[in-house]
């Protein structure tokens, strides 16, 4: 799962080292347009729905956090 998420993130923002960054939103690396693109790709790839309540910085600050969100939503 994590590798699939990393691939999606790297395709969308090849300039970012998603394996190392731990404050993607907090440090302003990802902006709202990036988040929308990521959400769209994740929804499509994993057949999930990321709701507005899930759009909090903690869920998008790292590739690991994004992967955990995807896993949680796939279980629901």
PDB file of N, CA and C in Angstrom:
ATOM      1  N   UNK A   1       0.826  -1.197   0.000  1.00  0.00           N
ATOM      2  CA  UNK A   1       0.000   0.000   0.000  1.00  0.00           C
ATOM      3  C   UNK A   1       0.865   1.253   0.000  1.00  0.00           C
ATOM      4  N   UNK A   2       1.819   1.300   0.924  1.00  0.00           N
ATOM      5  CA  UNK A   2       2.660   2.485   1.031  1.00  0.00           C
ATOM      6  C   UNK A   2       3.393   2.773  -0.276  1.00  0.00           C
ATOM      7  N   UNK A   3       3.858   1.732  -0.961  1.00  0.00           N
ATOM      8  CA  UNK A   3       4.552   1.937  -2.236  1.00  0.00           C
ATOM      9  C   UNK A   3       3.620   2.508  -3.290  1.00  0.00           C
ATOM     10  N   UNK A   4       2.372   2.057  -3.300  1.00  0.00           N
ATOM     11  CA  UNK A   4       1.402   2.587  -4.258  1.00  0.00           C
ATOM     12  C   UNK A   4       1.129   4.058  -3.983  1.00  0.00           C
ATOM     13  N   UNK A   5       0.978   4.397  -2.714  1.00  0.00           N
ATOM     14  CA  UNK A   5       0.753   5.791  -2.336  1.00  0.00           C
ATOM     15  C   UNK A   5       1.972   6.632  -2.707  1.00  0.00           C
ATOM     16  N   UNK A   6       3.162   6.132  -2.415  1.00  0.00           N
ATOM     17  CA  UNK A   6       4.390   6.859  -2.782  1.00  0.00           C
ATOM     18  C   UNK A   6       4.472   7.099  -4.282  1.00  0.00           C
ATOM     19  N   UNK A   7       4.082   6.108  -5.067  1.00  0.00           N
ATOM     20  CA  UNK A   7       4.114   6.255  -6.523  1.00  0.00           C
ATOM     21  C   UNK A   7       3.148   7.344  -6.986  1.00  0.00           C
ATOM     22  N   UNK A   8       1.949   7.355  -6.428  1.00  0.00           N
ATOM     23  CA  UNK A   8       0.967   8.387  -6.776  1.00  0.00           C
ATOM     24  C   UNK A   8       1.499   9.763  -6.404  1.00  0.00           C
ATOM     25  N   UNK A   9       2.021   9.888  -5.190  1.00  0.00           N
ATOM     26  CA  UNK A   9       2.541  11.176  -4.731  1.00  0.00           C
ATOM     27  C   UNK A   9       3.702  11.644  -5.602  1.00  0.00           C
ATOM     28  N   UNK A  10       4.601  10.733  -5.925  1.00  0.00           N
ATOM     29  CA  UNK A  10       5.767  11.085  -6.745  1.00  0.00           C
ATOM     30  C   UNK A  10       5.373  11.471  -8.162  1.00  0.00           C
ATOM     31  N   UNK A  11       4.337  10.842  -8.687  1.00  0.00           N
ATOM     32  CA  UNK A  11       3.849  11.212 -10.019  1.00  0.00           C
ATOM     33  C   UNK A  11       3.274  12.624 -10.015  1.00  0.00           C
ATOM     34  N   UNK A  12       2.571  12.968  -8.937  1.00  0.00           N
ATOM     35  CA  UNK A  12       1.950  14.289  -8.851  1.00  0.00           C
ATOM     36  C   UNK A  12       2.960  15.392  -8.539  1.00  0.00           C
ATOM     37  N   UNK A  13       3.940  15.084  -7.692  1.00  0.00           N
ATOM     38  CA  UNK A  13       4.947  16.076  -7.286  1.00  0.00           C
ATOM     39  C   UNK A  13       6.330  15.443  -7.288  1.00  0.00           C
ATOM     40  N   UNK A  14       6.925  15.253  -8.474  1.00  0.00           N
ATOM     41  CA  UNK A  14       8.236  14.602  -8.559  1.00  0.00           C
ATOM     42  C   UNK A  14       9.359  15.387  -7.874  1.00  0.00           C
ATOM     43  N   UNK A  15       9.121  16.645  -7.556  1.00  0.00           N
ATOM     44  CA  UNK A  15      10.140  17.483  -6.919  1.00  0.00           C
ATOM     45  C   UNK A  15      10.241  17.273  -5.403  1.00  0.00           C
ATOM     46  N   UNK A  16       9.343  16.476  -4.837  1.00  0.00           N
ATOM     47  CA  UNK A  16       9.299  16.284  -3.383  1.00  0.00           C
ATOM     48  C   UNK A  16       9.787  14.884  -3.020  1.00  0.00           C
ATOM     49  N   UNK A  17      10.623  14.796  -1.984  1.00  0.00           N
ATOM     50  CA  UNK A  17      11.079  13.503  -1.475  1.00  0.00           C
ATOM     51  C   UNK A  17      10.086  13.034  -0.410  1.00  0.00           C
ATOM     52  N   UNK A  18       9.077  12.305  -0.838  1.00  0.00           N
ATOM     53  CA  UNK A  18       8.009  11.885   0.064  1.00  0.00           C
ATOM     54  C   UNK A  18       8.463  10.858   1.092  1.00  0.00           C
ATOM     55  N   UNK A  19       9.574  10.182   0.845  1.00  0.00           N
ATOM     56  CA  UNK A  19      10.078   9.218   1.826  1.00  0.00           C
ATOM     57  C   UNK A  19      10.667   9.922   3.044  1.00  0.00           C
ATOM     58  N   UNK A  20      11.142  11.134   2.868  1.00  0.00           N
ATOM     59  CA  UNK A  20      11.822  11.856   3.943  1.00  0.00           C
ATOM     60  C   UNK A  20      10.960  12.917   4.624  1.00  0.00           C
ATOM     61  N   UNK A  21      10.107  13.572   3.879  1.00  0.00           N
ATOM     62  CA  UNK A  21       9.340  14.702   4.416  1.00  0.00           C
ATOM     63  C   UNK A  21       8.295  14.242   5.429  1.00  0.00           C
ATOM     64  N   UNK A  22       8.228  14.935   6.550  1.00  0.00           N
ATOM     65  CA  UNK A  22       7.281  14.600   7.622  1.00  0.00           C
ATOM     66  C   UNK A  22       6.328  15.746   7.944  1.00  0.00           C
ATOM     67  N   UNK A  23       6.461  16.874   7.246  1.00  0.00           N
ATOM     68  CA  UNK A  23       5.587  18.026   7.491  1.00  0.00           C
ATOM     69  C   UNK A  23       5.185  18.647   6.153  1.00  0.00           C
ATOM     70  N   UNK A  24       4.605  17.828   5.301  1.00  0.00           N
ATOM     71  CA  UNK A  24       4.265  18.272   3.947  1.00  0.00           C
ATOM     72  C   UNK A  24       3.318  19.465   3.946  1.00  0.00           C
ATOM     73  N   UNK A  25       2.330  19.435   4.814  1.00  0.00           N
ATOM     74  CA  UNK A  25       1.383  20.542   4.905  1.00  0.00           C
ATOM     75  C   UNK A  25       1.949  21.623   5.819  1.00  0.00           C
ATOM     76  N   UNK A  26       2.462  21.217   6.960  1.00  0.00           N
ATOM     77  CA  UNK A  26       2.984  22.160   7.945  1.00  0.00           C
ATOM     78  C   UNK A  26       4.088  23.055   7.412  1.00  0.00           C
ATOM     79  N   UNK A  27       4.930  22.510   6.545  1.00  0.00           N
ATOM     80  CA  UNK A  27       6.026  23.290   5.966  1.00  0.00           C
ATOM     81  C   UNK A  27       5.651  23.948   4.639  1.00  0.00           C
ATOM     82  N   UNK A  28       4.397  23.811   4.228  1.00  0.00           N
ATOM     83  CA  UNK A  28       3.938  24.450   2.996  1.00  0.00           C
ATOM     84  C   UNK A  28       4.420  23.772   1.725  1.00  0.00           C
ATOM     85  N   UNK A  29       4.866  22.529   1.823  1.00  0.00           N
ATOM     86  CA  UNK A  29       5.326  21.798   0.638  1.00  0.00           C
ATOM     87  C   UNK A  29       4.139  21.441  -0.247  1.00  0.00           C
ATOM     88  N   UNK A  30       3.047  21.019   0.388  1.00  0.00           N
ATOM     89  CA  UNK A  30       1.807  20.749  -0.340  1.00  0.00           C
ATOM     90  C   UNK A  30       0.834  21.885  -0.078  1.00  0.00           C
ATOM     91  N   UNK A  31       0.204  22.372  -1.148  1.00  0.00           N
ATOM     92  CA  UNK A  31      -0.823  23.391  -0.986  1.00  0.00           C
ATOM     93  C   UNK A  31      -2.192  22.768  -1.252  1.00  0.00           C
ATOM     94  N   UNK A  32      -3.222  23.579  -1.209  1.00  0.00           N
ATOM     95  CA  UNK A  32      -4.584  23.057  -1.354  1.00  0.00           C
ATOM     96  C   UNK A  32      -4.814  22.402  -2.712  1.00  0.00           C
ATOM     97  N   UNK A  33      -4.201  22.927  -3.748  1.00  0.00           N
ATOM     98  CA  UNK A  33      -4.337  22.329  -5.083  1.00  0.00           C
ATOM     99  C   UNK A  33      -3.697  20.944  -5.096  1.00  0.00           C
ATOM    100  N   UNK A  34      -2.536  20.814  -4.472  1.00  0.00           N
ATOM    101  CA  UNK A  34      -1.879  19.501  -4.371  1.00  0.00           C
ATOM    102  C   UNK A  34      -2.769  18.512  -3.624  1.00  0.00           C
ATOM    103  N   UNK A  35      -3.348  18.955  -2.518  1.00  0.00           N
ATOM    104  CA  UNK A  35      -4.201  18.069  -1.714  1.00  0.00           C
ATOM    105  C   UNK A  35      -5.398  17.601  -2.534  1.00  0.00           C
ATOM    106  N   UNK A  36      -6.016  18.501  -3.270  1.00  0.00           N
ATOM    107  CA  UNK A  36      -7.160  18.122  -4.114  1.00  0.00           C
ATOM    108  C   UNK A  36      -6.734  17.086  -5.146  1.00  0.00           C
ATOM    109  N   UNK A  37      -5.596  17.282  -5.762  1.00  0.00           N
ATOM    110  CA  UNK A  37      -5.093  16.322  -6.753  1.00  0.00           C
ATOM    111  C   UNK A  37      -4.812  14.969  -6.115  1.00  0.00           C
ATOM    112  N   UNK A  38      -4.210  14.981  -4.946  1.00  0.00           N
ATOM    113  CA  UNK A  38      -3.905  13.737  -4.235  1.00  0.00           C
ATOM    114  C   UNK A  38      -5.195  13.012  -3.871  1.00  0.00           C
ATOM    115  N   UNK A  39      -6.155  13.743  -3.330  1.00  0.00           N
ATOM    116  CA  UNK A  39      -7.438  13.142  -2.946  1.00  0.00           C
ATOM    117  C   UNK A  39      -8.105  12.503  -4.155  1.00  0.00           C
ATOM    118  N   UNK A  40      -8.127  13.207  -5.263  1.00  0.00           N
ATOM    119  CA  UNK A  40      -8.752  12.674  -6.488  1.00  0.00           C
ATOM    120  C   UNK A  40      -8.074  11.375  -6.924  1.00  0.00           C
ATOM    121  N   UNK A  41      -6.757  11.370  -6.937  1.00  0.00           N
ATOM    122  CA  UNK A  41      -6.022  10.171  -7.355  1.00  0.00           C
ATOM    123  C   UNK A  41      -6.231   9.004  -6.393  1.00  0.00           C
ATOM    124  N   UNK A  42      -6.204   9.285  -5.101  1.00  0.00           N
ATOM    125  CA  UNK A  42      -6.401   8.222  -4.109  1.00  0.00           C
ATOM    126  C   UNK A  42      -7.818   7.658  -4.183  1.00  0.00           C
ATOM    127  N   UNK A  43      -8.800   8.544  -4.322  1.00  0.00           N
ATOM    128  CA  UNK A  43     -10.194   8.096  -4.458  1.00  0.00           C
ATOM    129  C   UNK A  43     -10.336   7.150  -5.639  1.00  0.00           C
ATOM    130  N   UNK A  44      -9.729   7.541  -6.743  1.00  0.00           N
ATOM    131  CA  UNK A  44      -9.827   6.754  -7.975  1.00  0.00           C
ATOM    132  C   UNK A  44      -9.055   5.435  -7.872  1.00  0.00           C
ATOM    133  N   UNK A  45      -7.834   5.503  -7.410  1.00  0.00           N
ATOM    134  CA  UNK A  45      -6.961   4.325  -7.364  1.00  0.00           C
ATOM    135  C   UNK A  45      -7.436   3.267  -6.369  1.00  0.00           C
ATOM    136  N   UNK A  46      -7.914   3.708  -5.210  1.00  0.00           N
ATOM    137  CA  UNK A  46      -8.254   2.770  -4.138  1.00  0.00           C
ATOM    138  C   UNK A  46      -9.759   2.608  -3.930  1.00  0.00           C
ATOM    139  N   UNK A  47     -10.566   3.257  -4.763  1.00  0.00           N
ATOM    140  CA  UNK A  47     -12.025   3.172  -4.674  1.00  0.00           C
ATOM    141  C   UNK A  47     -12.507   3.528  -3.262  1.00  0.00           C
ATOM    142  N   UNK A  48     -12.036   4.672  -2.793  1.00  0.00           N
ATOM    143  CA  UNK A  48     -12.418   5.180  -1.475  1.00  0.00           C
ATOM    144  C   UNK A  48     -13.000   6.575  -1.656  1.00  0.00           C
ATOM    145  N   UNK A  49     -13.588   7.088  -0.592  1.00  0.00           N
ATOM    146  CA  UNK A  49     -14.072   8.465  -0.585  1.00  0.00           C
ATOM    147  C   UNK A  49     -13.447   9.179   0.602  1.00  0.00           C
ATOM    148  N   UNK A  50     -12.618  10.148   0.304  1.00  0.00           N
ATOM    149  CA  UNK A  50     -12.021  10.969   1.355  1.00  0.00           C
ATOM    150  C   UNK A  50     -12.972  12.133   1.583  1.00  0.00           C
ATOM    151  N   UNK A  51     -13.536  12.182   2.784  1.00  0.00           N
ATOM    152  CA  UNK A  51     -14.556  13.171   3.122  1.00  0.00           C
ATOM    153  C   UNK A  51     -13.903  14.461   3.619  1.00  0.00           C
ATOM    154  N   UNK A  52     -14.661  15.563   3.575  1.00  0.00           N
ATOM    155  CA  UNK A  52     -14.119  16.825   4.080  1.00  0.00           C
ATOM    156  C   UNK A  52     -13.572  16.726   5.508  1.00  0.00           C
ATOM    157  N   UNK A  53     -14.201  15.919   6.350  1.00  0.00           N
ATOM    158  CA  UNK A  53     -13.726  15.768   7.734  1.00  0.00           C
ATOM    159  C   UNK A  53     -12.335  15.139   7.795  1.00  0.00           C
ATOM    160  N   UNK A  54     -11.946  14.418   6.734  1.00  0.00           N
ATOM    161  CA  UNK A  54     -10.623  13.782   6.679  1.00  0.00           C
ATOM    162  C   UNK A  54      -9.538  14.738   6.189  1.00  0.00           C
ATOM    163  N   UNK A  55      -9.931  15.897   5.706  1.00  0.00           N
ATOM    164  CA  UNK A  55      -8.978  16.841   5.118  1.00  0.00           C
ATOM    165  C   UNK A  55      -8.344  17.721   6.194  1.00  0.00           C
ATOM    166  N   UNK A  56      -7.601  17.062   7.065  1.00  0.00           N
ATOM    167  CA  UNK A  56      -6.887  17.770   8.124  1.00  0.00           C
ATOM    168  C   UNK A  56      -5.385  17.579   7.901  1.00  0.00           C
ATOM    169  N   UNK A  57      -4.576  18.548   8.303  1.00  0.00           N
ATOM    170  CA  UNK A  57      -3.132  18.459   8.048  1.00  0.00           C
ATOM    171  C   UNK A  57      -2.496  17.159   8.527  1.00  0.00           C
ATOM    172  N   UNK A  58      -2.941  16.648   9.664  1.00  0.00           N
ATOM    173  CA  UNK A  58      -2.351  15.426  10.214  1.00  0.00           C
ATOM    174  C   UNK A  58      -2.452  14.248   9.251  1.00  0.00           C
ATOM    175  N   UNK A  59      -3.489  14.226   8.424  1.00  0.00           N
ATOM    176  CA  UNK A  59      -3.675  13.126   7.472  1.00  0.00           C
ATOM    177  C   UNK A  59      -2.829  13.274   6.211  1.00  0.00           C
ATOM    178  N   UNK A  60      -2.219  14.446   6.016  1.00  0.00           N
ATOM    179  CA  UNK A  60      -1.479  14.704   4.777  1.00  0.00           C
ATOM    180  C   UNK A  60      -0.061  15.213   5.009  1.00  0.00           C
ATOM    181  N   UNK A  61       0.433  15.151   6.239  1.00  0.00           N
ATOM    182  CA  UNK A  61       1.769  15.672   6.537  1.00  0.00           C
ATOM    183  C   UNK A  61       2.899  14.755   6.096  1.00  0.00           C
ATOM    184  N   UNK A  62       2.589  13.478   5.833  1.00  0.00           N
ATOM    185  CA  UNK A  62       3.630  12.546   5.382  1.00  0.00           C
ATOM    186  C   UNK A  62       2.992  11.458   4.533  1.00  0.00           C
ATOM    187  N   UNK A  63       3.819  10.781   3.766  1.00  0.00           N
ATOM    188  CA  UNK A  63       3.325   9.657   2.961  1.00  0.00           C
ATOM    189  C   UNK A  63       2.766   8.579   3.877  1.00  0.00           C
ATOM    190  N   UNK A  64       3.397   8.394   5.022  1.00  0.00           N
ATOM    191  CA  UNK A  64       2.920   7.394   5.986  1.00  0.00           C
ATOM    192  C   UNK A  64       1.519   7.746   6.490  1.00  0.00           C
ATOM    193  N   UNK A  65       1.291   9.012   6.815  1.00  0.00           N
ATOM    194  CA  UNK A  65      -0.026   9.445   7.290  1.00  0.00           C
ATOM    195  C   UNK A  65      -1.077   9.264   6.200  1.00  0.00           C
ATOM    196  N   UNK A  66      -0.713   9.574   4.971  1.00  0.00           N
ATOM    197  CA  UNK A  66      -1.640   9.410   3.850  1.00  0.00           C
ATOM    198  C   UNK A  66      -1.963   7.931   3.665  1.00  0.00           C
ATOM    199  N   UNK A  67      -0.968   7.078   3.761  1.00  0.00           N
ATOM    200  CA  UNK A  67      -1.181   5.629   3.641  1.00  0.00           C
ATOM    201  C   UNK A  67      -2.103   5.115   4.738  1.00  0.00           C
ATOM    202  N   UNK A  68      -1.904   5.598   5.955  1.00  0.00           N
ATOM    203  CA  UNK A  68      -2.764   5.180   7.069  1.00  0.00           C
ATOM    204  C   UNK A  68      -4.207   5.609   6.831  1.00  0.00           C
ATOM    205  N   UNK A  69      -4.397   6.804   6.301  1.00  0.00           N
ATOM    206  CA  UNK A  69      -5.743   7.277   5.981  1.00  0.00           C
ATOM    207  C   UNK A  69      -6.391   6.370   4.946  1.00  0.00           C
ATOM    208  N   UNK A  70      -5.656   6.038   3.902  1.00  0.00           N
ATOM    209  CA  UNK A  70      -6.180   5.158   2.853  1.00  0.00           C
ATOM    210  C   UNK A  70      -6.554   3.803   3.443  1.00  0.00           C
ATOM    211  N   UNK A  71      -5.682   3.237   4.254  1.00  0.00           N
ATOM    212  CA  UNK A  71      -5.959   1.933   4.873  1.00  0.00           C
ATOM    213  C   UNK A  71      -7.216   1.989   5.731  1.00  0.00           C
ATOM    214  N   UNK A  72      -7.348   3.049   6.515  1.00  0.00           N
ATOM    215  CA  UNK A  72      -8.522   3.212   7.378  1.00  0.00           C
ATOM    216  C   UNK A  72      -9.795   3.286   6.541  1.00  0.00           C
ATOM    217  N   UNK A  73      -9.761   4.057   5.474  1.00  0.00           N
ATOM    218  CA  UNK A  73     -10.949   4.220   4.638  1.00  0.00           C
ATOM    219  C   UNK A  73     -11.287   2.950   3.869  1.00  0.00           C
ATOM    220  N   UNK A  74     -10.293   2.166   3.540  1.00  0.00           N
ATOM    221  CA  UNK A  74     -10.553   0.904   2.843  1.00  0.00           C
ATOM    222  C   UNK A  74     -11.210  -0.114   3.773  1.00  0.00           C
ATOM    223  N   UNK A  75     -10.950   0.003   5.066  1.00  0.00           N
ATOM    224  CA  UNK A  75     -11.551  -0.905   6.047  1.00  0.00           C
ATOM    225  C   UNK A  75     -13.012  -0.571   6.305  1.00  0.00           C
ATOM    226  N   UNK A  76     -13.363   0.705   6.151  1.00  0.00           N
ATOM    227  CA  UNK A  76     -14.747   1.141   6.432  1.00  0.00           C
ATOM    228  C   UNK A  76     -15.741   0.597   5.440  1.00  0.00           C
TER     229      UNK A  76
END
